[in-house]
Amino acid sequence: MKLFTDPAAGSAGLTALRYFRAPTQWLLDGSVFKSFKLGFIPGEQGELQSRFEFFNTFNHPNFGSPTSNITSGNFGIISPPSSGQRIIQVALKILF
């Protein structure tokens, strides 16, 4: 007995929908910044802002959906992670 078979054209088949759900995906980005007052020119104010930005903070892989084409050689295989690795960005910004 075959576990998966190709259903007749126009029919839904017998496999439950939950068999081909993609893994849960989540992504957390964040930033921390601090502003410092500057007074180079009398009567004018400026700010120096230091920023730390984090993309995919916890470095969590987000896998793609499994291949659902029954005739494919990759049937049921989950694709590699779609989100990249953690990125940390540091910046200094002058506001005037």
PDB file of N, CA and C in Angstrom:
ATOM      1  N   MET A   1       0.840  -1.176   0.000  1.00  0.00           N
ATOM      2  CA  MET A   1       0.000   0.000   0.000  1.00  0.00           C
ATOM      3  C   MET A   1       0.890   1.246   0.000  1.00  0.00           C
ATOM      4  N   LYS A   2       0.549   2.181  -0.868  1.00  0.00           N
ATOM      5  CA  LYS A   2       1.296   3.426  -0.961  1.00  0.00           C
ATOM      6  C   LYS A   2       0.773   4.428   0.053  1.00  0.00           C
ATOM      7  N   LEU A   3       1.669   5.175   0.646  1.00  0.00           N
ATOM      8  CA  LEU A   3       1.269   6.206   1.590  1.00  0.00           C
ATOM      9  C   LEU A   3       0.713   7.431   0.865  1.00  0.00           C
ATOM     10  N   PHE A   4       1.357   7.824  -0.236  1.00  0.00           N
ATOM     11  CA  PHE A   4       0.885   8.953  -1.028  1.00  0.00           C
ATOM     12  C   PHE A   4       0.647   8.485  -2.451  1.00  0.00           C
ATOM     13  N   THR A   5      -0.481   8.828  -2.986  1.00  0.00           N
ATOM     14  CA  THR A   5      -0.793   8.529  -4.384  1.00  0.00           C
ATOM     15  C   THR A   5      -1.322   9.785  -5.050  1.00  0.00           C
ATOM     16  N   ASP A   6      -1.235   9.815  -6.356  1.00  0.00           N
ATOM     17  CA  ASP A   6      -1.747  10.936  -7.130  1.00  0.00           C
ATOM     18  C   ASP A   6      -3.265  10.802  -7.229  1.00  0.00           C
ATOM     19  N   PRO A   7      -4.072  11.773  -6.695  1.00  0.00           N
ATOM     20  CA  PRO A   7      -5.521  11.653  -6.767  1.00  0.00           C
ATOM     21  C   PRO A   7      -6.019  11.848  -8.197  1.00  0.00           C
ATOM     22  N   ALA A   8      -7.207  11.342  -8.469  1.00  0.00           N
ATOM     23  CA  ALA A   8      -7.817  11.500  -9.786  1.00  0.00           C
ATOM     24  C   ALA A   8      -8.044  12.983 -10.058  1.00  0.00           C
ATOM     25  N   ALA A   9      -8.008  13.359 -11.315  1.00  0.00           N
ATOM     26  CA  ALA A   9      -8.208  14.761 -11.690  1.00  0.00           C
ATOM     27  C   ALA A   9      -9.557  15.256 -11.176  1.00  0.00           C
ATOM     28  N   GLY A  10      -9.561  16.410 -10.538  1.00  0.00           N
ATOM     29  CA  GLY A  10     -10.799  17.005 -10.041  1.00  0.00           C
ATOM     30  C   GLY A  10     -11.184  16.578  -8.640  1.00  0.00           C
ATOM     31  N   SER A  11     -10.449  15.644  -8.020  1.00  0.00           N
ATOM     32  CA  SER A  11     -10.776  15.225  -6.658  1.00  0.00           C
ATOM     33  C   SER A  11      -9.735  15.790  -5.683  1.00  0.00           C
ATOM     34  N   ALA A  12     -10.131  15.897  -4.423  1.00  0.00           N
ATOM     35  CA  ALA A  12      -9.269  16.501  -3.408  1.00  0.00           C
ATOM     36  C   ALA A  12      -8.243  15.520  -2.850  1.00  0.00           C
ATOM     37  N   GLY A  13      -8.468  14.243  -2.935  1.00  0.00           N
ATOM     38  CA  GLY A  13      -7.556  13.266  -2.365  1.00  0.00           C
ATOM     39  C   GLY A  13      -7.875  13.004  -0.899  1.00  0.00           C
ATOM     40  N   LEU A  14      -7.112  12.115  -0.253  1.00  0.00           N
ATOM     41  CA  LEU A  14      -7.403  11.695   1.114  1.00  0.00           C
ATOM     42  C   LEU A  14      -6.409  12.200   2.152  1.00  0.00           C
ATOM     43  N   THR A  15      -5.337  12.829   1.735  1.00  0.00           N
ATOM     44  CA  THR A  15      -4.330  13.287   2.678  1.00  0.00           C
ATOM     45  C   THR A  15      -4.820  14.515   3.434  1.00  0.00           C
ATOM     46  N   ALA A  16      -4.643  14.514   4.739  1.00  0.00           N
ATOM     47  CA  ALA A  16      -5.065  15.655   5.560  1.00  0.00           C
ATOM     48  C   ALA A  16      -4.222  16.885   5.237  1.00  0.00           C
ATOM     49  N   LEU A  17      -4.803  18.058   5.413  1.00  0.00           N
ATOM     50  CA  LEU A  17      -4.112  19.302   5.090  1.00  0.00           C
ATOM     51  C   LEU A  17      -2.894  19.533   5.971  1.00  0.00           C
ATOM     52  N   ARG A  18      -2.911  19.067   7.209  1.00  0.00           N
ATOM     53  CA  ARG A  18      -1.809  19.349   8.118  1.00  0.00           C
ATOM     54  C   ARG A  18      -0.501  18.689   7.709  1.00  0.00           C
ATOM     55  N   TYR A  19      -0.514  17.745   6.791  1.00  0.00           N
ATOM     56  CA  TYR A  19       0.709  17.063   6.381  1.00  0.00           C
ATOM     57  C   TYR A  19       1.687  17.998   5.679  1.00  0.00           C
ATOM     58  N   PHE A  20       1.213  19.051   5.061  1.00  0.00           N
ATOM     59  CA  PHE A  20       2.078  19.903   4.250  1.00  0.00           C
ATOM     60  C   PHE A  20       2.119  21.338   4.752  1.00  0.00           C
ATOM     61  N   ARG A  21       2.050  21.525   6.037  1.00  0.00           N
ATOM     62  CA  ARG A  21       2.182  22.858   6.620  1.00  0.00           C
ATOM     63  C   ARG A  21       3.657  23.210   6.740  1.00  0.00           C
ATOM     64  N   ALA A  22       3.946  24.488   6.544  1.00  0.00           N
ATOM     65  CA  ALA A  22       5.320  24.959   6.688  1.00  0.00           C
ATOM     66  C   ALA A  22       5.643  25.146   8.169  1.00  0.00           C
ATOM     67  N   PRO A  23       6.902  25.055   8.528  1.00  0.00           N
ATOM     68  CA  PRO A  23       7.283  25.310   9.917  1.00  0.00           C
ATOM     69  C   PRO A  23       6.955  26.757  10.311  1.00  0.00           C
ATOM     70  N   THR A  24       6.789  26.991  11.595  1.00  0.00           N
ATOM     71  CA  THR A  24       6.486  28.329  12.084  1.00  0.00           C
ATOM     72  C   THR A  24       7.629  29.279  11.754  1.00  0.00           C
ATOM     73  N   GLN A  25       7.265  30.489  11.345  1.00  0.00           N
ATOM     74  CA  GLN A  25       8.280  31.481  11.027  1.00  0.00           C
ATOM     75  C   GLN A  25       8.132  32.677  11.942  1.00  0.00           C
ATOM     76  N   TRP A  26       9.244  33.146  12.468  1.00  0.00           N
ATOM     77  CA  TRP A  26       9.249  34.376  13.254  1.00  0.00           C
ATOM     78  C   TRP A  26      10.615  35.018  13.159  1.00  0.00           C
ATOM     79  N   LEU A  27      10.599  36.322  13.292  1.00  0.00           N
ATOM     80  CA  LEU A  27      11.810  37.103  13.147  1.00  0.00           C
ATOM     81  C   LEU A  27      11.715  38.284  14.101  1.00  0.00           C
ATOM     82  N   LEU A  28      12.776  38.586  14.824  1.00  0.00           N
ATOM     83  CA  LEU A  28      12.771  39.695  15.766  1.00  0.00           C
ATOM     84  C   LEU A  28      13.918  40.640  15.436  1.00  0.00           C
ATOM     85  N   ASP A  29      13.559  41.890  15.123  1.00  0.00           N
ATOM     86  CA  ASP A  29      14.535  42.945  14.878  1.00  0.00           C
ATOM     87  C   ASP A  29      14.448  43.932  16.033  1.00  0.00           C
ATOM     88  N   GLY A  30      15.520  44.637  16.310  1.00  0.00           N
ATOM     89  CA  GLY A  30      15.494  45.612  17.390  1.00  0.00           C
ATOM     90  C   GLY A  30      16.573  46.662  17.210  1.00  0.00           C
ATOM     91  N   SER A  31      16.437  47.726  17.959  1.00  0.00           N
ATOM     92  CA  SER A  31      17.458  48.767  17.915  1.00  0.00           C
ATOM     93  C   SER A  31      17.558  49.440  19.273  1.00  0.00           C
ATOM     94  N   VAL A  32      18.753  49.961  19.561  1.00  0.00           N
ATOM     95  CA  VAL A  32      19.014  50.716  20.769  1.00  0.00           C
ATOM     96  C   VAL A  32      19.751  51.968  20.319  1.00  0.00           C
ATOM     97  N   PHE A  33      19.287  53.127  20.788  1.00  0.00           N
ATOM     98  CA  PHE A  33      20.001  54.339  20.422  1.00  0.00           C
ATOM     99  C   PHE A  33      19.993  55.335  21.566  1.00  0.00           C
ATOM    100  N   LYS A  34      20.994  56.214  21.539  1.00  0.00           N
ATOM    101  CA  LYS A  34      21.158  57.222  22.585  1.00  0.00           C
ATOM    102  C   LYS A  34      21.543  58.523  21.901  1.00  0.00           C
ATOM    103  N   SER A  35      20.903  59.630  22.309  1.00  0.00           N
ATOM    104  CA  SER A  35      21.194  60.945  21.749  1.00  0.00           C
ATOM    105  C   SER A  35      21.947  61.793  22.763  1.00  0.00           C
ATOM    106  N   PHE A  36      22.956  62.516  22.277  1.00  0.00           N
ATOM    107  CA  PHE A  36      23.739  63.422  23.092  1.00  0.00           C
ATOM    108  C   PHE A  36      23.607  64.827  22.511  1.00  0.00           C
ATOM    109  N   LYS A  37      23.344  65.814  23.364  1.00  0.00           N
ATOM    110  CA  LYS A  37      23.233  67.209  22.923  1.00  0.00           C
ATOM    111  C   LYS A  37      24.616  67.753  22.579  1.00  0.00           C
ATOM    112  N   LEU A  38      24.679  68.512  21.478  1.00  0.00           N
ATOM    113  CA  LEU A  38      25.917  69.159  21.053  1.00  0.00           C
ATOM    114  C   LEU A  38      25.681  70.666  20.997  1.00  0.00           C
ATOM    115  N   GLY A  39      26.686  71.466  21.278  1.00  0.00           N
ATOM    116  CA  GLY A  39      26.563  72.911  21.194  1.00  0.00           C
ATOM    117  C   GLY A  39      27.828  73.521  20.620  1.00  0.00           C
ATOM    118  N   PHE A  40      28.126  73.228  19.337  1.00  0.00           N
ATOM    119  CA  PHE A  40      29.335  73.743  18.702  1.00  0.00           C
ATOM    120  C   PHE A  40      29.245  75.243  18.441  1.00  0.00           C
ATOM    121  N   ILE A  41      28.141  75.678  17.882  1.00  0.00           N
ATOM    122  CA  ILE A  41      27.951  77.079  17.522  1.00  0.00           C
ATOM    123  C   ILE A  41      27.026  77.710  18.556  1.00  0.00           C
ATOM    124  N   PRO A  42      27.392  78.848  19.139  1.00  0.00           N
ATOM    125  CA  PRO A  42      26.518  79.476  20.142  1.00  0.00           C
ATOM    126  C   PRO A  42      25.142  79.798  19.561  1.00  0.00           C
ATOM    127  N   GLY A  43      24.114  79.455  20.307  1.00  0.00           N
ATOM    128  CA  GLY A  43      22.734  79.709  19.875  1.00  0.00           C
ATOM    129  C   GLY A  43      22.140  78.595  19.023  1.00  0.00           C
ATOM    130  N   GLU A  44      22.927  77.628  18.607  1.00  0.00           N
ATOM    131  CA  GLU A  44      22.389  76.518  17.812  1.00  0.00           C
ATOM    132  C   GLU A  44      22.639  75.210  18.552  1.00  0.00           C
ATOM    133  N   GLN A  45      21.706  74.314  18.419  1.00  0.00           N
ATOM    134  CA  GLN A  45      21.803  73.002  19.077  1.00  0.00           C
ATOM    135  C   GLN A  45      21.877  71.909  18.016  1.00  0.00           C
ATOM    136  N   GLY A  46      22.570  70.888  18.332  1.00  0.00           N
ATOM    137  CA  GLY A  46      22.643  69.717  17.486  1.00  0.00           C
ATOM    138  C   GLY A  46      22.637  68.482  18.365  1.00  0.00           C
ATOM    139  N   GLU A  47      22.545  67.333  17.735  1.00  0.00           N
ATOM    140  CA  GLU A  47      22.563  66.068  18.477  1.00  0.00           C
ATOM    141  C   GLU A  47      23.487  65.084  17.783  1.00  0.00           C
ATOM    142  N   LEU A  48      24.153  64.306  18.558  1.00  0.00           N
ATOM    143  CA  LEU A  48      24.915  63.169  18.069  1.00  0.00           C
ATOM    144  C   LEU A  48      24.170  61.929  18.549  1.00  0.00           C
ATOM    145  N   GLN A  49      23.806  61.098  17.632  1.00  0.00           N
ATOM    146  CA  GLN A  49      23.021  59.910  17.990  1.00  0.00           C
ATOM    147  C   GLN A  49      23.834  58.656  17.661  1.00  0.00           C
ATOM    148  N   SER A  50      24.019  57.801  18.651  1.00  0.00           N
ATOM    149  CA  SER A  50      24.657  56.506  18.405  1.00  0.00           C
ATOM    150  C   SER A  50      23.565  55.446  18.355  1.00  0.00           C
ATOM    151  N   ARG A  51      23.653  54.588  17.344  1.00  0.00           N
ATOM    152  CA  ARG A  51      22.607  53.583  17.112  1.00  0.00           C
ATOM    153  C   ARG A  51      23.221  52.187  16.977  1.00  0.00           C
ATOM    154  N   PHE A  52      22.544  51.223  17.560  1.00  0.00           N
ATOM    155  CA  PHE A  52      22.876  49.809  17.389  1.00  0.00           C
ATOM    156  C   PHE A  52      21.608  49.136  16.892  1.00  0.00           C
ATOM    157  N   GLU A  53      21.657  48.551  15.720  1.00  0.00           N
ATOM    158  CA  GLU A  53      20.481  47.908  15.126  1.00  0.00           C
ATOM    159  C   GLU A  53      20.767  46.429  14.925  1.00  0.00           C
ATOM    160  N   PHE A  54      19.792  45.599  15.263  1.00  0.00           N
ATOM    161  CA  PHE A  54      19.932  44.144  15.181  1.00  0.00           C
ATOM    162  C   PHE A  54      18.837  43.588  14.275  1.00  0.00           C
ATOM    163  N   PHE A  55      19.225  42.814  13.284  1.00  0.00           N
ATOM    164  CA  PHE A  55      18.275  42.157  12.394  1.00  0.00           C
ATOM    165  C   PHE A  55      18.407  40.653  12.609  1.00  0.00           C
ATOM    166  N   ASN A  56      17.286  39.968  12.815  1.00  0.00           N
ATOM    167  CA  ASN A  56      17.263  38.554  13.189  1.00  0.00           C
ATOM    168  C   ASN A  56      18.067  38.376  14.485  1.00  0.00           C
ATOM    169  N   THR A  57      17.654  39.098  15.511  1.00  0.00           N
ATOM    170  CA  THR A  57      18.370  39.218  16.772  1.00  0.00           C
ATOM    171  C   THR A  57      18.788  37.877  17.367  1.00  0.00           C
ATOM    172  N   PHE A  58      17.898  36.899  17.386  1.00  0.00           N
ATOM    173  CA  PHE A  58      18.202  35.605  18.006  1.00  0.00           C
ATOM    174  C   PHE A  58      18.754  34.584  17.014  1.00  0.00           C
ATOM    175  N   ASN A  59      19.036  35.020  15.778  1.00  0.00           N
ATOM    176  CA  ASN A  59      19.622  34.155  14.752  1.00  0.00           C
ATOM    177  C   ASN A  59      18.781  32.892  14.523  1.00  0.00           C
ATOM    178  N   HIS A  60      17.473  33.058  14.465  1.00  0.00           N
ATOM    179  CA  HIS A  60      16.534  31.945  14.314  1.00  0.00           C
ATOM    180  C   HIS A  60      16.343  31.616  12.829  1.00  0.00           C
ATOM    181  N   PRO A  61      16.566  30.361  12.405  1.00  0.00           N
ATOM    182  CA  PRO A  61      16.345  30.018  11.002  1.00  0.00           C
ATOM    183  C   PRO A  61      14.854  29.888  10.704  1.00  0.00           C
ATOM    184  N   ASN A  62      14.415  30.392   9.562  1.00  0.00           N
ATOM    185  CA  ASN A  62      13.026  30.260   9.113  1.00  0.00           C
ATOM    186  C   ASN A  62      13.028  29.401   7.857  1.00  0.00           C
ATOM    187  N   PHE A  63      12.599  28.152   7.998  1.00  0.00           N
ATOM    188  CA  PHE A  63      12.604  27.223   6.875  1.00  0.00           C
ATOM    189  C   PHE A  63      11.396  27.447   5.981  1.00  0.00           C
ATOM    190  N   GLY A  64      11.527  27.102   4.728  1.00  0.00           N
ATOM    191  CA  GLY A  64      10.439  27.247   3.769  1.00  0.00           C
ATOM    192  C   GLY A  64       9.470  26.080   3.851  1.00  0.00           C
ATOM    193  N   SER A  65       8.483  26.087   2.964  1.00  0.00           N
ATOM    194  CA  SER A  65       7.473  25.028   2.915  1.00  0.00           C
ATOM    195  C   SER A  65       8.042  23.765   2.277  1.00  0.00           C
ATOM    196  N   PRO A  66       7.511  22.599   2.649  1.00  0.00           N
ATOM    197  CA  PRO A  66       7.960  21.368   1.981  1.00  0.00           C
ATOM    198  C   PRO A  66       7.435  21.320   0.540  1.00  0.00           C
ATOM    199  N   THR A  67       8.162  20.645  -0.317  1.00  0.00           N
ATOM    200  CA  THR A  67       7.733  20.487  -1.702  1.00  0.00           C
ATOM    201  C   THR A  67       6.507  19.584  -1.726  1.00  0.00           C
ATOM    202  N   SER A  68       5.402  20.086  -2.296  1.00  0.00           N
ATOM    203  CA  SER A  68       4.152  19.323  -2.268  1.00  0.00           C
ATOM    204  C   SER A  68       3.823  18.661  -3.609  1.00  0.00           C
ATOM    205  N   ASN A  69       4.681  18.788  -4.596  1.00  0.00           N
ATOM    206  CA  ASN A  69       4.458  18.146  -5.889  1.00  0.00           C
ATOM    207  C   ASN A  69       4.860  16.677  -5.782  1.00  0.00           C
ATOM    208  N   ILE A  70       3.890  15.792  -5.875  1.00  0.00           N
ATOM    209  CA  ILE A  70       4.125  14.357  -5.646  1.00  0.00           C
ATOM    210  C   ILE A  70       5.045  13.734  -6.689  1.00  0.00           C
ATOM    211  N   THR A  71       5.138  14.337  -7.874  1.00  0.00           N
ATOM    212  CA  THR A  71       5.989  13.782  -8.927  1.00  0.00           C
ATOM    213  C   THR A  71       7.426  14.300  -8.848  1.00  0.00           C
ATOM    214  N   SER A  72       7.675  15.229  -7.937  1.00  0.00           N
ATOM    215  CA  SER A  72       9.019  15.797  -7.796  1.00  0.00           C
ATOM    216  C   SER A  72       9.918  14.847  -7.013  1.00  0.00           C
ATOM    217  N   GLY A  73      11.186  14.858  -7.341  1.00  0.00           N
ATOM    218  CA  GLY A  73      12.153  14.062  -6.595  1.00  0.00           C
ATOM    219  C   GLY A  73      12.401  14.611  -5.200  1.00  0.00           C
ATOM    220  N   ASN A  74      12.018  15.867  -4.975  1.00  0.00           N
ATOM    221  CA  ASN A  74      12.185  16.506  -3.672  1.00  0.00           C
ATOM    222  C   ASN A  74      10.896  16.513  -2.866  1.00  0.00           C
ATOM    223  N   PHE A  75       9.960  15.655  -3.180  1.00  0.00           N
ATOM    224  CA  PHE A  75       8.660  15.634  -2.507  1.00  0.00           C
ATOM    225  C   PHE A  75       8.821  15.494  -0.991  1.00  0.00           C
ATOM    226  N   GLY A  76       8.201  16.417  -0.235  1.00  0.00           N
ATOM    227  CA  GLY A  76       8.218  16.363   1.212  1.00  0.00           C
ATOM    228  C   GLY A  76       9.452  16.952   1.866  1.00  0.00           C
ATOM    229  N   ILE A  77      10.423  17.367   1.073  1.00  0.00           N
ATOM    230  CA  ILE A  77      11.650  17.936   1.631  1.00  0.00           C
ATOM    231  C   ILE A  77      11.435  19.413   1.917  1.00  0.00           C
ATOM    232  N   ILE A  78      11.826  19.841   3.105  1.00  0.00           N
ATOM    233  CA  ILE A  78      11.689  21.242   3.502  1.00  0.00           C
ATOM    234  C   ILE A  78      12.866  22.020   2.931  1.00  0.00           C
ATOM    235  N   SER A  79      12.558  23.163   2.331  1.00  0.00           N
ATOM    236  CA  SER A  79      13.596  23.978   1.696  1.00  0.00           C
ATOM    237  C   SER A  79      14.488  24.647   2.747  1.00  0.00           C
ATOM    238  N   PRO A  80      15.679  25.059   2.353  1.00  0.00           N
ATOM    239  CA  PRO A  80      16.618  25.673   3.302  1.00  0.00           C
ATOM    240  C   PRO A  80      16.071  26.977   3.893  1.00  0.00           C
ATOM    241  N   PRO A  81      16.704  27.479   4.939  1.00  0.00           N
ATOM    242  CA  PRO A  81      16.209  28.703   5.582  1.00  0.00           C
ATOM    243  C   PRO A  81      16.091  29.863   4.605  1.00  0.00           C
ATOM    244  N   SER A  82      14.962  30.593   4.723  1.00  0.00           N
ATOM    245  CA  SER A  82      14.726  31.719   3.829  1.00  0.00           C
ATOM    246  C   SER A  82      15.252  33.024   4.414  1.00  0.00           C
ATOM    247  N   SER A  83      15.416  33.086   5.734  1.00  0.00           N
ATOM    248  CA  SER A  83      15.938  34.313   6.333  1.00  0.00           C
ATOM    249  C   SER A  83      17.440  34.173   6.521  1.00  0.00           C
ATOM    250  N   GLY A  84      18.107  35.290   6.427  1.00  0.00           N
ATOM    251  CA  GLY A  84      19.559  35.276   6.567  1.00  0.00           C
ATOM    252  C   GLY A  84      19.991  35.163   8.011  1.00  0.00           C
ATOM    253  N   GLN A  85      21.283  35.258   8.200  1.00  0.00           N
ATOM    254  CA  GLN A  85      21.827  35.179   9.543  1.00  0.00           C
ATOM    255  C   GLN A  85      21.697  36.523  10.247  1.00  0.00           C
ATOM    256  N   ARG A  86      22.074  36.555  11.497  1.00  0.00           N
ATOM    257  CA  ARG A  86      21.989  37.784  12.296  1.00  0.00           C
ATOM    258  C   ARG A  86      22.888  38.861  11.701  1.00  0.00           C
ATOM    259  N   ILE A  87      22.357  40.091  11.664  1.00  0.00           N
ATOM    260  CA  ILE A  87      23.119  41.246  11.196  1.00  0.00           C
ATOM    261  C   ILE A  87      23.074  42.299  12.289  1.00  0.00           C
ATOM    262  N   ILE A  88      24.234  42.843  12.642  1.00  0.00           N
ATOM    263  CA  ILE A  88      24.316  43.927  13.617  1.00  0.00           C
ATOM    264  C   ILE A  88      24.909  45.134  12.909  1.00  0.00           C
ATOM    265  N   GLN A  89      24.231  46.264  13.043  1.00  0.00           N
ATOM    266  CA  GLN A  89      24.653  47.481  12.369  1.00  0.00           C
ATOM    267  C   GLN A  89      24.894  48.560  13.417  1.00  0.00           C
ATOM    268  N   VAL A  90      26.040  49.243  13.349  1.00  0.00           N
ATOM    269  CA  VAL A  90      26.386  50.307  14.278  1.00  0.00           C
ATOM    270  C   VAL A  90      26.516  51.593  13.467  1.00  0.00           C
ATOM    271  N   ALA A  91      25.926  52.684  13.980  1.00  0.00           N
ATOM    272  CA  ALA A  91      25.971  53.945  13.245  1.00  0.00           C
ATOM    273  C   ALA A  91      26.068  55.133  14.196  1.00  0.00           C
ATOM    274  N   LEU A  92      26.693  56.200  13.717  1.00  0.00           N
ATOM    275  CA  LEU A  92      26.700  57.496  14.403  1.00  0.00           C
ATOM    276  C   LEU A  92      25.999  58.484  13.475  1.00  0.00           C
ATOM    277  N   LYS A  93      25.113  59.270  14.021  1.00  0.00           N
ATOM    278  CA  LYS A  93      24.300  60.173  13.221  1.00  0.00           C
ATOM    279  C   LYS A  93      24.371  61.558  13.847  1.00  0.00           C
ATOM    280  N   ILE A  94      24.610  62.591  13.033  1.00  0.00           N
ATOM    281  CA  ILE A  94      24.611  63.962  13.520  1.00  0.00           C
ATOM    282  C   ILE A  94      23.337  64.640  13.035  1.00  0.00           C
ATOM    283  N   LEU A  95      22.545  65.143  13.977  1.00  0.00           N
ATOM    284  CA  LEU A  95      21.299  65.837  13.651  1.00  0.00           C
ATOM    285  C   LEU A  95      21.495  67.312  13.964  1.00  0.00           C
ATOM    286  N   PHE A  96      21.162  68.193  13.014  1.00  0.00           N
ATOM    287  CA  PHE A  96      21.281  69.628  13.274  1.00  0.00           C
ATOM    288  C   PHE A  96      20.147  70.383  12.618  1.00  0.00           C
TER     289      PHE A  96
END
